[in-house]
Amino acid sequence: MKRYKWFVDWLERIELWISALLLGGLMIITLAEVGSRYLLNRPFPWALELSILIITYVVFMGVPALYKGRSLVILEFVFKRLPFRAQGVLSFLWEVLVGIFFTYLMIASYEFFSVQLRYKSPALDIPFSYFTLPLFFCSISMLIFNIYFILSHIESSLRRNSGS
């Protein structure tokens, strides 16, 4: 479990670094586009498409880190009112359901990716599948984090039961 935790932490750090670098690149592209448009009166025709592509990658690389850090919105006011044991069971069931959803999302995003391979973007002339590729990687990453949460639940339950 320690190696898996190390891998999960490493994956989170890599995703955050990639997101930060892409965000910096997006800022440079936007500044260059604004300067070119207003100072030289010659806008870049590809800047909007590239910005959309980069924003897509930034979002779908950042969401798994939010999920791992438990920073997503939950119904905590209801959850915290339950007894401690019920919280554990509900949390475990929730993670299993979320894992099923991420598995479905991974399969569906791969199918969507393969359909979009034949269509190209007008300005960059790249396949539209590059725009949906981050969804596939996001679902894999979140599934890896989800498996870690499920294993942590099982491990803590086994420790609690053996300690009783």
C-alpha atoms as a PDB file:
ATOM      1  CA  MET A   1       0.000   0.000   0.000  1.00  0.00           C
ATOM      2  CA  LYS A   2       2.942   2.351   0.640  1.00  0.00           C
ATOM      3  CA  ARG A   3       4.144   2.014  -2.952  1.00  0.00           C
ATOM      4  CA  TYR A   4       0.662   2.651  -4.265  1.00  0.00           C
ATOM      5  CA  LYS A   5       0.391   5.760  -2.089  1.00  0.00           C
ATOM      6  CA  TRP A   6       3.771   6.938  -3.394  1.00  0.00           C
ATOM      7  CA  PHE A   7       2.535   6.404  -6.976  1.00  0.00           C
ATOM      8  CA  VAL A   8      -0.718   8.270  -6.305  1.00  0.00           C
ATOM      9  CA  ASP A   9       1.150  11.200  -4.746  1.00  0.00           C
ATOM     10  CA  TRP A  10       3.645  11.245  -7.629  1.00  0.00           C
ATOM     11  CA  LEU A  11       0.814  11.211 -10.185  1.00  0.00           C
ATOM     12  CA  GLU A  12      -0.869  14.118  -8.417  1.00  0.00           C
ATOM     13  CA  ARG A  13       2.349  16.158  -8.438  1.00  0.00           C
ATOM     14  CA  ILE A  14       2.933  15.470 -12.143  1.00  0.00           C
ATOM     15  CA  GLU A  15      -0.631  16.505 -13.003  1.00  0.00           C
ATOM     16  CA  LEU A  16      -0.327  19.727 -11.028  1.00  0.00           C
ATOM     17  CA  TRP A  17       3.019  20.597 -12.649  1.00  0.00           C
ATOM     18  CA  ILE A  18       1.658  19.938 -16.128  1.00  0.00           C
ATOM     19  CA  SER A  19      -1.405  22.070 -15.340  1.00  0.00           C
ATOM     20  CA  ALA A  20       0.765  24.905 -14.063  1.00  0.00           C
ATOM     21  CA  LEU A  21       3.023  24.804 -17.120  1.00  0.00           C
ATOM     22  CA  LEU A  22       0.040  24.739 -19.475  1.00  0.00           C
ATOM     23  CA  LEU A  23      -1.532  27.644 -17.623  1.00  0.00           C
ATOM     24  CA  GLY A  24       1.676  29.624 -18.063  1.00  0.00           C
ATOM     25  CA  GLY A  25       1.704  28.737 -21.766  1.00  0.00           C
ATOM     26  CA  LEU A  26      -1.902  29.841 -22.057  1.00  0.00           C
ATOM     27  CA  MET A  27      -1.012  33.185 -20.527  1.00  0.00           C
ATOM     28  CA  ILE A  28       1.844  33.677 -23.004  1.00  0.00           C
ATOM     29  CA  ILE A  29      -0.348  32.753 -25.979  1.00  0.00           C
ATOM     30  CA  THR A  30      -3.098  35.103 -24.821  1.00  0.00           C
ATOM     31  CA  LEU A  31      -0.662  37.975 -24.300  1.00  0.00           C
ATOM     32  CA  ALA A  32       0.885  37.367 -27.733  1.00  0.00           C
ATOM     33  CA  GLU A  33      -2.568  37.261 -29.325  1.00  0.00           C
ATOM     34  CA  VAL A  34      -3.680  40.487 -27.663  1.00  0.00           C
ATOM     35  CA  GLY A  35      -0.433  42.211 -28.629  1.00  0.00           C
ATOM     36  CA  SER A  36      -0.622  40.985 -32.193  1.00  0.00           C
ATOM     37  CA  ARG A  37      -4.270  41.901 -32.539  1.00  0.00           C
ATOM     38  CA  TYR A  38      -4.115  45.407 -31.101  1.00  0.00           C
ATOM     39  CA  LEU A  39      -0.539  46.521 -31.765  1.00  0.00           C
ATOM     40  CA  LEU A  40       0.119  44.934 -35.157  1.00  0.00           C
ATOM     41  CA  ASN A  41      -3.510  44.598 -36.281  1.00  0.00           C
ATOM     42  CA  ARG A  42      -2.775  40.974 -37.283  1.00  0.00           C
ATOM     43  CA  PRO A  43      -4.496  38.397 -35.072  1.00  0.00           C
ATOM     44  CA  PHE A  44      -3.335  34.799 -34.962  1.00  0.00           C
ATOM     45  CA  PRO A  45      -6.065  32.580 -36.450  1.00  0.00           C
ATOM     46  CA  TRP A  46      -4.971  29.599 -34.357  1.00  0.00           C
ATOM     47  CA  ALA A  47      -4.820  31.284 -30.951  1.00  0.00           C
ATOM     48  CA  LEU A  48      -8.449  30.656 -29.963  1.00  0.00           C
ATOM     49  CA  GLU A  49      -8.327  26.947 -30.826  1.00  0.00           C
ATOM     50  CA  LEU A  50      -5.033  26.472 -29.038  1.00  0.00           C
ATOM     51  CA  SER A  51      -6.372  28.333 -25.983  1.00  0.00           C
ATOM     52  CA  ILE A  52      -9.436  26.085 -25.879  1.00  0.00           C
ATOM     53  CA  LEU A  53      -7.218  23.018 -26.186  1.00  0.00           C
ATOM     54  CA  ILE A  54      -4.927  24.187 -23.379  1.00  0.00           C
ATOM     55  CA  ILE A  55      -7.842  25.116 -21.096  1.00  0.00           C
ATOM     56  CA  THR A  56      -9.290  21.652 -21.649  1.00  0.00           C
ATOM     57  CA  TYR A  57      -6.009  20.049 -20.598  1.00  0.00           C
ATOM     58  CA  VAL A  58      -5.598  22.352 -17.584  1.00  0.00           C
ATOM     59  CA  VAL A  59      -9.087  21.537 -16.287  1.00  0.00           C
ATOM     60  CA  PHE A  60      -8.937  17.806 -16.862  1.00  0.00           C
ATOM     61  CA  MET A  61      -5.439  17.570 -15.363  1.00  0.00           C
ATOM     62  CA  GLY A  62      -6.479  19.592 -12.303  1.00  0.00           C
ATOM     63  CA  VAL A  63      -9.749  17.856 -11.451  1.00  0.00           C
ATOM     64  CA  PRO A  64      -8.077  14.569 -10.400  1.00  0.00           C
ATOM     65  CA  ALA A  65      -5.871  16.501  -7.980  1.00  0.00           C
ATOM     66  CA  LEU A  66      -8.979  18.119  -6.504  1.00  0.00           C
ATOM     67  CA  TYR A  67     -10.601  14.707  -6.197  1.00  0.00           C
ATOM     68  CA  LYS A  68      -7.537  13.256  -4.472  1.00  0.00           C
ATOM     69  CA  GLY A  69      -7.370  16.205  -2.073  1.00  0.00           C
ATOM     70  CA  ARG A  70     -11.071  15.772  -1.278  1.00  0.00           C
ATOM     71  CA  SER A  71     -11.620  19.358  -2.415  1.00  0.00           C
ATOM     72  CA  LEU A  72     -14.732  18.701  -4.467  1.00  0.00           C
ATOM     73  CA  VAL A  73     -18.129  19.768  -3.157  1.00  0.00           C
ATOM     74  CA  ILE A  74     -19.966  17.140  -1.123  1.00  0.00           C
ATOM     75  CA  LEU A  75     -23.069  17.096   1.041  1.00  0.00           C
ATOM     76  CA  GLU A  76     -21.026  17.272   4.223  1.00  0.00           C
ATOM     77  CA  PHE A  77     -23.785  18.748   6.373  1.00  0.00           C
ATOM     78  CA  VAL A  78     -25.818  15.541   5.902  1.00  0.00           C
ATOM     79  CA  PHE A  79     -22.826  13.201   6.020  1.00  0.00           C
ATOM     80  CA  LYS A  80     -21.439  14.531   9.318  1.00  0.00           C
ATOM     81  CA  ARG A  81     -24.789  14.061  11.095  1.00  0.00           C
ATOM     82  CA  LEU A  82     -24.647  10.291  10.591  1.00  0.00           C
ATOM     83  CA  PRO A  83     -23.127   7.931  13.169  1.00  0.00           C
ATOM     84  CA  PHE A  84     -19.404   7.216  12.676  1.00  0.00           C
ATOM     85  CA  ARG A  85     -19.925   3.647  11.435  1.00  0.00           C
ATOM     86  CA  ALA A  86     -22.615   4.768   8.981  1.00  0.00           C
ATOM     87  CA  GLN A  87     -20.249   7.441   7.668  1.00  0.00           C
ATOM     88  CA  GLY A  88     -17.653   4.771   6.931  1.00  0.00           C
ATOM     89  CA  VAL A  89     -20.131   2.490   5.162  1.00  0.00           C
ATOM     90  CA  LEU A  90     -21.653   5.339   3.173  1.00  0.00           C
ATOM     91  CA  SER A  91     -18.222   6.645   2.227  1.00  0.00           C
ATOM     92  CA  PHE A  92     -17.140   3.188   1.037  1.00  0.00           C
ATOM     93  CA  LEU A  93     -20.322   2.693  -1.002  1.00  0.00           C
ATOM     94  CA  TRP A  94     -19.910   6.161  -2.481  1.00  0.00           C
ATOM     95  CA  GLU A  95     -16.344   5.387  -3.582  1.00  0.00           C
ATOM     96  CA  VAL A  96     -17.470   2.120  -5.190  1.00  0.00           C
ATOM     97  CA  LEU A  97     -20.211   3.938  -7.134  1.00  0.00           C
ATOM     98  CA  VAL A  98     -17.771   6.655  -8.170  1.00  0.00           C
ATOM     99  CA  GLY A  99     -15.339   3.948  -9.326  1.00  0.00           C
ATOM    100  CA  ILE A 100     -18.047   2.395 -11.487  1.00  0.00           C
ATOM    101  CA  PHE A 101     -18.756   5.812 -12.992  1.00  0.00           C
ATOM    102  CA  PHE A 102     -15.049   6.448 -13.712  1.00  0.00           C
ATOM    103  CA  THR A 103     -14.785   3.050 -15.386  1.00  0.00           C
ATOM    104  CA  TYR A 104     -17.761   3.900 -17.585  1.00  0.00           C
ATOM    105  CA  LEU A 105     -16.312   7.354 -18.284  1.00  0.00           C
ATOM    106  CA  MET A 106     -12.997   5.831 -19.322  1.00  0.00           C
ATOM    107  CA  ILE A 107     -14.687   3.470 -21.791  1.00  0.00           C
ATOM    108  CA  ALA A 108     -17.032   6.145 -23.163  1.00  0.00           C
ATOM    109  CA  SER A 109     -14.268   8.735 -23.539  1.00  0.00           C
ATOM    110  CA  TYR A 110     -12.112   6.224 -25.428  1.00  0.00           C
ATOM    111  CA  GLU A 111     -14.998   5.535 -27.822  1.00  0.00           C
ATOM    112  CA  PHE A 112     -15.592   9.278 -28.233  1.00  0.00           C
ATOM    113  CA  PHE A 113     -11.863   9.766 -28.855  1.00  0.00           C
ATOM    114  CA  SER A 114     -11.817   7.147 -31.615  1.00  0.00           C
ATOM    115  CA  VAL A 115     -14.876   8.676 -33.323  1.00  0.00           C
ATOM    116  CA  GLN A 116     -13.284  12.109 -33.353  1.00  0.00           C
ATOM    117  CA  LEU A 117     -10.063  10.893 -34.974  1.00  0.00           C
ATOM    118  CA  ARG A 118     -11.518  11.473 -38.438  1.00  0.00           C
ATOM    119  CA  TYR A 119     -12.467  15.134 -37.880  1.00  0.00           C
ATOM    120  CA  LYS A 120      -9.937  17.971 -37.884  1.00  0.00           C
ATOM    121  CA  SER A 121      -9.990  21.417 -36.329  1.00  0.00           C
ATOM    122  CA  PRO A 122     -10.155  24.262 -38.857  1.00  0.00           C
ATOM    123  CA  ALA A 123      -7.275  26.487 -37.706  1.00  0.00           C
ATOM    124  CA  LEU A 124      -4.756  24.061 -36.190  1.00  0.00           C
ATOM    125  CA  ASP A 125      -5.606  21.197 -38.571  1.00  0.00           C
ATOM    126  CA  ILE A 126      -5.287  18.625 -35.790  1.00  0.00           C
ATOM    127  CA  PRO A 127      -7.775  15.839 -35.023  1.00  0.00           C
ATOM    128  CA  PHE A 128     -10.580  16.835 -32.667  1.00  0.00           C
ATOM    129  CA  SER A 129      -9.642  13.780 -30.641  1.00  0.00           C
ATOM    130  CA  TYR A 130      -6.846  15.869 -29.088  1.00  0.00           C
ATOM    131  CA  PHE A 131      -9.606  17.902 -27.449  1.00  0.00           C
ATOM    132  CA  THR A 132     -11.183  14.797 -25.879  1.00  0.00           C
ATOM    133  CA  LEU A 133      -7.955  13.000 -24.955  1.00  0.00           C
ATOM    134  CA  PRO A 134      -7.697  14.756 -21.555  1.00  0.00           C
ATOM    135  CA  LEU A 135     -11.081  13.330 -20.556  1.00  0.00           C
ATOM    136  CA  PHE A 136      -9.705   9.831 -21.084  1.00  0.00           C
ATOM    137  CA  PHE A 137      -6.580  10.555 -19.019  1.00  0.00           C
ATOM    138  CA  CYS A 138      -8.668  12.286 -16.354  1.00  0.00           C
ATOM    139  CA  SER A 139     -10.916   9.248 -15.984  1.00  0.00           C
ATOM    140  CA  ILE A 140      -7.889   6.932 -15.689  1.00  0.00           C
ATOM    141  CA  SER A 141      -6.231   9.172 -13.108  1.00  0.00           C
ATOM    142  CA  MET A 142      -9.399   9.550 -11.060  1.00  0.00           C
ATOM    143  CA  LEU A 143      -9.953   5.789 -11.202  1.00  0.00           C
ATOM    144  CA  ILE A 144      -6.418   5.265  -9.857  1.00  0.00           C
ATOM    145  CA  PHE A 145      -7.151   7.687  -7.000  1.00  0.00           C
ATOM    146  CA  ASN A 146     -10.531   6.025  -6.462  1.00  0.00           C
ATOM    147  CA  ILE A 147      -8.937   2.586  -6.135  1.00  0.00           C
ATOM    148  CA  TYR A 148      -6.544   4.085  -3.577  1.00  0.00           C
ATOM    149  CA  PHE A 149      -9.498   5.437  -1.549  1.00  0.00           C
ATOM    150  CA  ILE A 150     -11.305   2.097  -1.698  1.00  0.00           C
ATOM    151  CA  LEU A 151      -8.188   0.216  -0.581  1.00  0.00           C
ATOM    152  CA  SER A 152      -7.703   2.746   2.236  1.00  0.00           C
ATOM    153  CA  HIS A 153     -11.295   2.169   3.395  1.00  0.00           C
ATOM    154  CA  ILE A 154     -10.786  -1.588   3.367  1.00  0.00           C
ATOM    155  CA  GLU A 155      -7.454  -1.302   5.183  1.00  0.00           C
ATOM    156  CA  SER A 156      -8.860   0.971   7.899  1.00  0.00           C
ATOM    157  CA  SER A 157     -11.896  -1.311   8.349  1.00  0.00           C
ATOM    158  CA  LEU A 158      -9.655  -4.360   8.727  1.00  0.00           C
ATOM    159  CA  ARG A 159      -7.484  -2.511  11.264  1.00  0.00           C
ATOM    160  CA  ARG A 160     -10.557  -1.409  13.242  1.00  0.00           C
ATOM    161  CA  ASN A 161     -12.024  -4.929  13.234  1.00  0.00           C
ATOM    162  CA  SER A 162      -8.770  -6.607  14.238  1.00  0.00           C
ATOM    163  CA  GLY A 163      -8.222  -4.028  17.014  1.00  0.00           C
ATOM    164  CA  SER A 164     -11.654  -4.744  18.528  1.00  0.00           C
END
